N, C-alpha and C. Protein backbone atom coordinates (compact mmCIF):
# COMPACT_ATOMS: atom_id res chain seq x y z
N MET A 1 -2.36 -5.64 -13.89
CA MET A 1 -2.38 -5.10 -13.13
C MET A 1 -1.34 -3.41 -13.97
N SER A 2 -1.61 -2.87 -13.59
CA SER A 2 -1.00 -1.94 -13.69
C SER A 2 -0.09 -1.45 -12.89
N LYS A 3 0.61 0.14 -14.00
CA LYS A 3 2.07 0.20 -13.41
C LYS A 3 1.95 1.48 -11.89
N MET A 4 2.12 1.54 -11.13
CA MET A 4 1.85 2.86 -10.13
C MET A 4 2.26 3.75 -10.53
N SER A 5 3.77 4.12 -11.16
CA SER A 5 4.20 5.39 -11.30
C SER A 5 3.37 6.47 -12.58
N ASP A 6 2.14 5.93 -12.71
CA ASP A 6 1.90 6.94 -13.82
C ASP A 6 0.10 6.92 -12.99
N LYS A 7 0.27 6.49 -11.88
CA LYS A 7 -1.28 6.82 -10.98
C LYS A 7 -1.31 7.93 -10.34
N PRO A 8 -2.25 8.52 -9.41
CA PRO A 8 -2.48 9.83 -8.88
C PRO A 8 -2.24 9.11 -7.38
N GLU A 9 -1.80 10.06 -6.59
CA GLU A 9 -1.29 9.93 -5.31
C GLU A 9 -3.11 9.26 -4.22
N ILE A 10 -2.46 8.67 -3.46
CA ILE A 10 -3.19 7.85 -2.70
C ILE A 10 -3.69 8.76 -1.03
N SER A 11 -4.88 9.04 -0.73
CA SER A 11 -4.82 9.60 0.62
C SER A 11 -4.98 8.33 1.54
N ASN A 12 -4.14 8.57 2.67
CA ASN A 12 -4.61 7.70 3.86
C ASN A 12 -5.80 6.58 4.08
N ALA A 13 -6.78 7.24 3.97
CA ALA A 13 -8.27 6.73 4.04
C ALA A 13 -8.24 5.49 2.86
N GLU A 14 -7.90 6.19 1.25
CA GLU A 14 -7.96 5.27 0.46
C GLU A 14 -7.13 4.07 0.63
N PHE A 15 -6.23 4.49 1.15
CA PHE A 15 -5.06 2.85 1.01
C PHE A 15 -5.48 2.06 1.91
N GLU A 16 -6.33 2.35 2.82
CA GLU A 16 -7.11 1.77 3.62
C GLU A 16 -8.05 0.48 2.85
N VAL A 17 -8.65 1.53 1.90
CA VAL A 17 -9.78 0.89 1.19
C VAL A 17 -8.98 -0.29 0.24
N LEU A 18 -8.07 0.40 -0.38
CA LEU A 18 -7.48 -0.43 -1.02
C LEU A 18 -6.44 -1.78 -0.83
N ASP A 19 -6.13 -1.52 0.99
CA ASP A 19 -5.46 -2.96 1.81
C ASP A 19 -6.25 -3.79 1.34
N VAL A 20 -7.58 -3.57 2.11
CA VAL A 20 -8.60 -4.79 2.47
C VAL A 20 -8.65 -5.37 0.72
N LEU A 21 -8.98 -4.49 -0.21
CA LEU A 21 -8.86 -5.39 -1.50
C LEU A 21 -7.55 -5.97 -2.21
N TRP A 22 -6.19 -5.38 -1.52
CA TRP A 22 -5.33 -6.21 -1.94
C TRP A 22 -5.57 -7.53 -1.59
N ASP A 23 -5.93 -7.72 0.36
CA ASP A 23 -6.12 -9.04 0.76
C ASP A 23 -7.15 -9.91 0.45
N ASP A 24 -7.90 -9.71 -0.31
CA ASP A 24 -8.66 -10.46 -0.92
C ASP A 24 -9.87 -9.53 -1.84
N HIS A 25 -9.52 -10.15 -3.20
CA HIS A 25 -10.51 -9.53 -4.26
C HIS A 25 -10.95 -10.45 -4.95
N PRO A 26 -11.61 -10.03 -5.98
CA PRO A 26 -12.86 -9.08 -6.06
C PRO A 26 -13.95 -9.07 -4.75
N ALA A 27 -14.36 -8.21 -4.35
CA ALA A 27 -14.96 -7.65 -3.30
C ALA A 27 -16.47 -6.77 -3.80
N THR A 28 -17.27 -6.88 -2.96
CA THR A 28 -18.36 -5.72 -3.04
C THR A 28 -18.22 -5.14 -2.18
N SER A 29 -18.86 -3.77 -2.31
CA SER A 29 -18.90 -2.58 -1.46
C SER A 29 -19.43 -2.82 0.08
N ASN A 30 -20.30 -3.80 0.11
CA ASN A 30 -20.47 -4.49 1.45
C ASN A 30 -19.42 -5.20 2.21
N GLU A 31 -18.85 -5.92 1.22
CA GLU A 31 -17.84 -6.91 2.07
C GLU A 31 -16.41 -5.76 2.30
N VAL A 32 -16.32 -4.46 1.60
CA VAL A 32 -15.13 -4.02 2.34
C VAL A 32 -15.53 -3.10 3.26
N ILE A 33 -16.98 -2.76 3.29
CA ILE A 33 -17.51 -2.03 4.17
C ILE A 33 -17.43 -2.86 5.85
N SER A 34 -17.62 -3.96 5.45
CA SER A 34 -17.52 -5.20 6.63
C SER A 34 -16.28 -5.21 7.21
N ARG A 35 -15.33 -5.45 6.21
CA ARG A 35 -13.74 -5.93 6.57
C ARG A 35 -12.84 -4.60 7.13
N LEU A 36 -13.98 -3.42 6.53
CA LEU A 36 -13.27 -2.21 7.40
C LEU A 36 -13.68 -1.58 8.76
N ASN A 37 -14.99 -2.13 8.89
CA ASN A 37 -15.74 -1.46 10.50
C ASN A 37 -14.62 -2.34 11.61
N ASP A 38 -14.08 -3.92 11.18
CA ASP A 38 -13.69 -4.15 12.27
C ASP A 38 -12.02 -3.47 12.47
N LYS A 39 -11.74 -2.44 11.85
CA LYS A 39 -10.84 -1.57 12.54
C LYS A 39 -11.02 0.05 12.68
N LYS A 40 -11.92 0.28 11.61
CA LYS A 40 -13.10 1.54 12.00
C LYS A 40 -14.42 1.44 11.68
N ASP A 41 -14.69 2.95 12.68
CA ASP A 41 -16.25 3.22 12.51
C ASP A 41 -16.82 3.92 11.52
N TRP A 42 -16.10 3.89 10.02
CA TRP A 42 -16.39 4.05 8.90
C TRP A 42 -17.99 4.11 8.64
N HIS A 43 -18.93 5.43 8.01
CA HIS A 43 -20.23 4.94 7.68
C HIS A 43 -19.86 4.27 6.26
N GLU A 44 -21.00 3.73 5.76
CA GLU A 44 -21.12 3.07 4.81
C GLU A 44 -21.06 4.01 3.37
N LYS A 45 -21.60 5.41 3.67
CA LYS A 45 -21.29 6.42 2.44
C LYS A 45 -19.88 6.73 2.53
N THR A 46 -18.90 6.94 3.63
CA THR A 46 -17.63 7.12 3.56
C THR A 46 -16.90 6.07 2.56
N VAL A 47 -17.14 5.02 2.86
CA VAL A 47 -16.49 3.91 2.65
C VAL A 47 -16.80 4.33 0.64
N LYS A 48 -18.33 4.19 0.35
CA LYS A 48 -18.53 3.86 -1.22
C LYS A 48 -17.83 5.20 -1.97
N THR A 49 -17.67 6.40 -1.08
CA THR A 49 -17.14 7.49 -1.64
C THR A 49 -15.67 6.78 -1.77
N LEU A 50 -15.07 6.74 -0.89
CA LEU A 50 -13.60 6.37 -1.01
C LEU A 50 -13.56 5.50 -2.18
N LEU A 51 -14.60 4.24 -2.26
CA LEU A 51 -14.26 3.24 -3.73
C LEU A 51 -14.66 4.28 -5.11
N GLY A 52 -15.42 5.32 -4.77
CA GLY A 52 -15.55 5.98 -6.31
C GLY A 52 -14.58 6.75 -6.50
N ARG A 53 -13.97 7.13 -5.54
CA ARG A 53 -12.20 7.94 -5.93
C ARG A 53 -11.25 7.15 -6.17
N LEU A 54 -11.53 5.89 -6.04
CA LEU A 54 -10.44 5.42 -6.45
C LEU A 54 -10.47 4.26 -7.80
N VAL A 55 -11.96 4.10 -8.01
CA VAL A 55 -12.23 4.16 -9.11
C VAL A 55 -11.78 5.18 -10.23
N LYS A 56 -12.37 6.57 -9.72
CA LYS A 56 -12.08 7.20 -10.81
C LYS A 56 -10.41 8.20 -10.90
N LYS A 57 -9.68 7.65 -9.86
CA LYS A 57 -8.04 7.19 -9.94
C LYS A 57 -7.66 6.41 -10.58
N GLU A 58 -8.50 5.58 -11.69
CA GLU A 58 -8.01 4.56 -11.96
C GLU A 58 -7.01 3.51 -11.29
N VAL A 59 -7.29 3.50 -9.71
CA VAL A 59 -6.68 2.53 -8.70
C VAL A 59 -7.29 1.14 -8.65
N LEU A 60 -8.38 1.18 -8.79
CA LEU A 60 -9.60 0.71 -9.06
C LEU A 60 -10.45 0.11 -9.78
N GLY A 61 -10.66 -1.32 -10.13
CA GLY A 61 -11.59 -1.41 -11.37
C GLY A 61 -12.81 -2.58 -10.63
N PHE A 62 -13.76 -2.10 -11.46
CA PHE A 62 -15.38 -2.96 -10.68
C PHE A 62 -15.79 -3.47 -12.30
N GLU A 63 -16.60 -4.79 -11.87
CA GLU A 63 -17.45 -5.46 -12.88
C GLU A 63 -18.94 -5.38 -11.92
N LYS A 64 -19.74 -5.22 -12.89
CA LYS A 64 -21.44 -5.36 -12.45
C LYS A 64 -21.59 -6.63 -12.58
N GLN A 65 -22.18 -7.09 -11.43
CA GLN A 65 -23.00 -8.19 -11.46
C GLN A 65 -23.99 -8.30 -11.27
N GLN A 66 -25.09 -8.51 -11.85
CA GLN A 66 -26.66 -8.04 -11.32
C GLN A 66 -26.83 -6.62 -10.93
N ARG A 67 -27.04 -6.55 -9.54
CA ARG A 67 -27.26 -5.44 -8.74
C ARG A 67 -26.19 -4.65 -7.95
N GLN A 68 -24.87 -5.28 -8.17
CA GLN A 68 -23.83 -5.43 -7.52
C GLN A 68 -22.68 -4.94 -8.13
N TYR A 69 -21.76 -4.41 -7.34
CA TYR A 69 -20.38 -3.86 -8.33
C TYR A 69 -19.39 -4.99 -7.39
N LEU A 70 -18.46 -5.57 -8.22
CA LEU A 70 -17.37 -6.16 -7.38
C LEU A 70 -16.06 -5.37 -7.79
N TYR A 71 -15.52 -4.95 -6.96
CA TYR A 71 -14.25 -4.27 -6.96
C TYR A 71 -12.96 -4.80 -6.62
N TYR A 72 -11.78 -4.46 -7.81
CA TYR A 72 -10.94 -5.14 -7.57
C TYR A 72 -9.71 -4.21 -8.15
N PRO A 73 -8.36 -4.56 -7.32
CA PRO A 73 -7.37 -3.35 -7.67
C PRO A 73 -6.93 -3.30 -9.15
N LEU A 74 -6.15 -2.03 -9.80
CA LEU A 74 -5.66 -2.25 -11.03
C LEU A 74 -4.33 -2.11 -10.90
N ILE A 75 -3.39 -1.91 -9.66
CA ILE A 75 -2.14 -1.35 -8.94
C ILE A 75 -2.18 -3.08 -8.47
N ALA A 76 -0.50 -3.45 -8.17
CA ALA A 76 0.21 -4.32 -7.56
C ALA A 76 0.33 -3.91 -6.12
N ARG A 77 0.41 -4.27 -4.92
CA ARG A 77 0.79 -3.95 -3.63
C ARG A 77 1.93 -3.71 -3.53
N GLU A 78 2.90 -4.42 -4.79
CA GLU A 78 4.45 -4.46 -4.55
C GLU A 78 5.16 -3.03 -5.49
N ASP A 79 4.14 -2.42 -6.44
CA ASP A 79 4.18 -1.64 -7.01
C ASP A 79 3.66 -0.27 -6.37
N TYR A 80 2.86 -0.30 -5.61
CA TYR A 80 2.80 0.83 -4.78
C TYR A 80 3.63 0.88 -3.61
N THR A 81 4.42 -0.01 -3.57
CA THR A 81 5.09 0.06 -2.34
C THR A 81 6.61 0.23 -2.64
N LYS A 82 6.89 0.25 -3.77
CA LYS A 82 8.20 0.57 -4.56
C LYS A 82 8.25 2.16 -4.74
N LYS A 83 7.05 2.44 -5.26
CA LYS A 83 6.53 3.92 -5.26
C LYS A 83 6.96 4.68 -4.28
N GLU A 84 6.32 4.05 -2.80
CA GLU A 84 5.99 5.07 -1.75
C GLU A 84 7.14 5.07 -0.61
N THR A 85 7.92 3.91 -0.76
CA THR A 85 9.40 3.72 -0.41
C THR A 85 10.34 4.74 -1.21
N ALA A 86 10.07 4.74 -2.18
CA ALA A 86 11.32 5.52 -3.15
C ALA A 86 11.27 7.23 -2.40
N SER A 87 9.71 7.54 -2.82
CA SER A 87 9.22 9.07 -2.68
C SER A 87 9.34 9.48 -1.03
N PHE A 88 9.08 8.37 -0.43
CA PHE A 88 9.72 8.70 1.45
C PHE A 88 11.08 9.17 1.66
N VAL A 89 12.20 7.94 0.84
CA VAL A 89 13.12 8.24 1.01
C VAL A 89 13.98 9.46 0.41
N SER A 90 13.30 9.85 -1.01
CA SER A 90 13.75 10.85 -1.53
C SER A 90 13.27 12.13 -0.84
N ARG A 91 12.15 12.47 -0.08
CA ARG A 91 11.40 13.25 0.51
C ARG A 91 12.39 13.63 1.75
N LEU A 92 12.20 12.75 2.51
CA LEU A 92 12.75 13.02 4.35
C LEU A 92 14.16 12.69 4.16
N PHE A 93 14.86 11.87 3.22
CA PHE A 93 16.18 11.19 3.61
C PHE A 93 17.26 11.61 2.26
N LYS A 94 16.96 12.54 1.34
CA LYS A 94 17.08 13.43 0.21
C LYS A 94 18.03 11.96 -0.65
N GLY A 95 16.92 10.78 -0.72
CA GLY A 95 17.33 9.41 -1.44
C GLY A 95 18.55 8.86 -1.01
N LYS A 96 18.80 8.95 0.55
CA LYS A 96 19.98 8.05 0.82
C LYS A 96 19.31 7.30 2.34
N ILE A 97 19.78 5.88 2.06
CA ILE A 97 18.89 4.91 2.79
C ILE A 97 19.90 4.39 4.13
N THR A 98 20.94 5.35 4.45
CA THR A 98 21.89 5.31 5.57
C THR A 98 21.57 5.95 6.65
N PRO A 99 20.94 7.22 6.23
CA PRO A 99 20.46 8.28 7.83
C PRO A 99 19.38 7.42 7.77
N MET A 100 17.77 7.14 6.94
CA MET A 100 17.02 6.07 7.77
C MET A 100 17.30 5.36 8.81
N VAL A 101 18.15 4.64 8.47
CA VAL A 101 18.11 3.10 9.02
C VAL A 101 18.67 3.55 10.79
N ALA A 102 20.05 4.56 10.21
CA ALA A 102 20.55 4.98 11.51
C ALA A 102 19.66 6.08 12.14
N GLY A 103 18.44 6.46 11.80
CA GLY A 103 17.60 7.00 12.41
C GLY A 103 16.82 6.03 13.58
N PHE A 104 16.43 4.35 12.78
CA PHE A 104 15.67 3.77 13.44
C PHE A 104 16.64 2.76 14.35
N ALA A 105 18.01 2.92 14.47
CA ALA A 105 18.69 2.62 15.06
C ALA A 105 19.15 3.39 16.57
N ASN A 106 19.10 4.63 16.04
CA ASN A 106 19.31 5.40 17.25
C ASN A 106 18.04 4.91 17.97
N GLN A 107 17.18 5.03 18.05
CA GLN A 107 15.93 5.43 18.66
C GLN A 107 15.41 3.74 19.09
N ASN A 108 16.55 3.05 19.00
CA ASN A 108 16.18 1.71 19.15
C ASN A 108 15.30 0.95 18.68
N SER A 109 14.54 1.50 17.25
CA SER A 109 13.57 1.17 16.94
C SER A 109 13.71 -0.25 16.10
N LEU A 110 14.83 -0.93 15.82
CA LEU A 110 15.20 -2.00 15.16
C LEU A 110 15.53 -3.22 16.04
N SER A 111 14.70 -4.19 15.65
CA SER A 111 14.83 -5.47 16.43
C SER A 111 16.15 -6.38 16.16
N LYS A 112 16.18 -7.69 16.88
CA LYS A 112 17.51 -8.45 16.38
C LYS A 112 16.94 -8.84 15.07
N GLN A 113 15.87 -9.34 15.01
CA GLN A 113 14.98 -9.78 13.81
C GLN A 113 15.17 -8.65 12.44
N ASP A 114 14.77 -7.83 12.88
CA ASP A 114 15.37 -6.75 11.56
C ASP A 114 16.74 -6.35 11.22
N ILE A 115 17.34 -6.37 12.30
CA ILE A 115 18.98 -6.33 12.03
C ILE A 115 19.53 -7.69 11.15
N SER A 116 18.71 -8.62 11.48
CA SER A 116 19.49 -9.66 10.87
C SER A 116 19.07 -9.57 9.40
N GLU A 117 18.25 -9.63 9.18
CA GLU A 117 16.71 -9.16 7.88
C GLU A 117 18.06 -8.10 7.20
N LEU A 118 18.10 -7.43 7.75
CA LEU A 118 18.99 -6.01 6.97
C LEU A 118 20.16 -6.77 6.39
N LYS A 119 21.09 -7.66 7.36
CA LYS A 119 22.41 -8.03 6.96
C LYS A 119 22.03 -9.02 5.74
N ALA A 120 21.38 -9.68 6.01
CA ALA A 120 21.10 -11.08 4.96
C ALA A 120 20.96 -10.04 3.61
N LEU A 121 20.11 -9.27 3.93
CA LEU A 121 19.80 -8.37 2.24
C LEU A 121 20.72 -7.69 1.52
N ILE A 122 21.88 -6.89 2.71
CA ILE A 122 23.11 -6.27 2.80
C ILE A 122 24.02 -7.55 1.50
N LYS A 123 23.68 -8.62 2.19
CA LYS A 123 24.74 -9.65 1.84
C LYS A 123 24.13 -10.46 0.51
N GLU A 124 23.26 -10.36 0.44
CA GLU A 124 22.63 -10.52 -0.91
C GLU A 124 22.72 -10.00 -1.98
N TRP A 125 22.52 -8.20 -1.61
CA TRP A 125 23.08 -7.43 -2.68
C TRP A 125 24.38 -7.43 -3.24
N GLU A 126 25.42 -7.39 -2.05
CA GLU A 126 26.61 -7.77 -2.38
C GLU A 126 27.21 -8.88 -3.33
N GLN A 127 26.39 -9.77 -3.04
CA GLN A 127 26.61 -11.20 -3.93
C GLN A 127 25.83 -11.12 -5.52
N ASN A 128 25.09 -10.42 -5.67
CA ASN A 128 24.83 -10.00 -6.98
C ASN A 128 24.75 -8.81 -7.65
N ASN A 129 25.61 -7.81 -6.59
CA ASN A 129 26.27 -6.82 -7.53
C ASN A 129 27.72 -6.49 -7.49
N ASP A 130 28.29 -7.47 -7.49
CA ASP A 130 29.96 -7.54 -7.50
C ASP A 130 30.66 -7.80 -8.56
């Protein structure tokens, strides 16, 4: 899989198609349609259009097997997550994490488990970066 840094932007709808392929790939268009129909009521043609866009953007690849195409991601979920997280923090919080976490804390959006995980991450970071 290639790096996300040189890939184009992915729309929310395209992301949903990519997400089902990250979960299990390769898959035919009919398999993708079936998985998406558990969450969305999208027409078959819509899903095929989204698959085509993702192939054109070089985010998905495909392999022809007899009369069907098997689609698979060309980018890793982790690479996409890193890029989108950095973009989100940069755009909304000027690159600073503290105001983002404070925003969640002030809205009581952090669970005790979230707080424990954040503390563990900070502790690990401190141990590795001292």
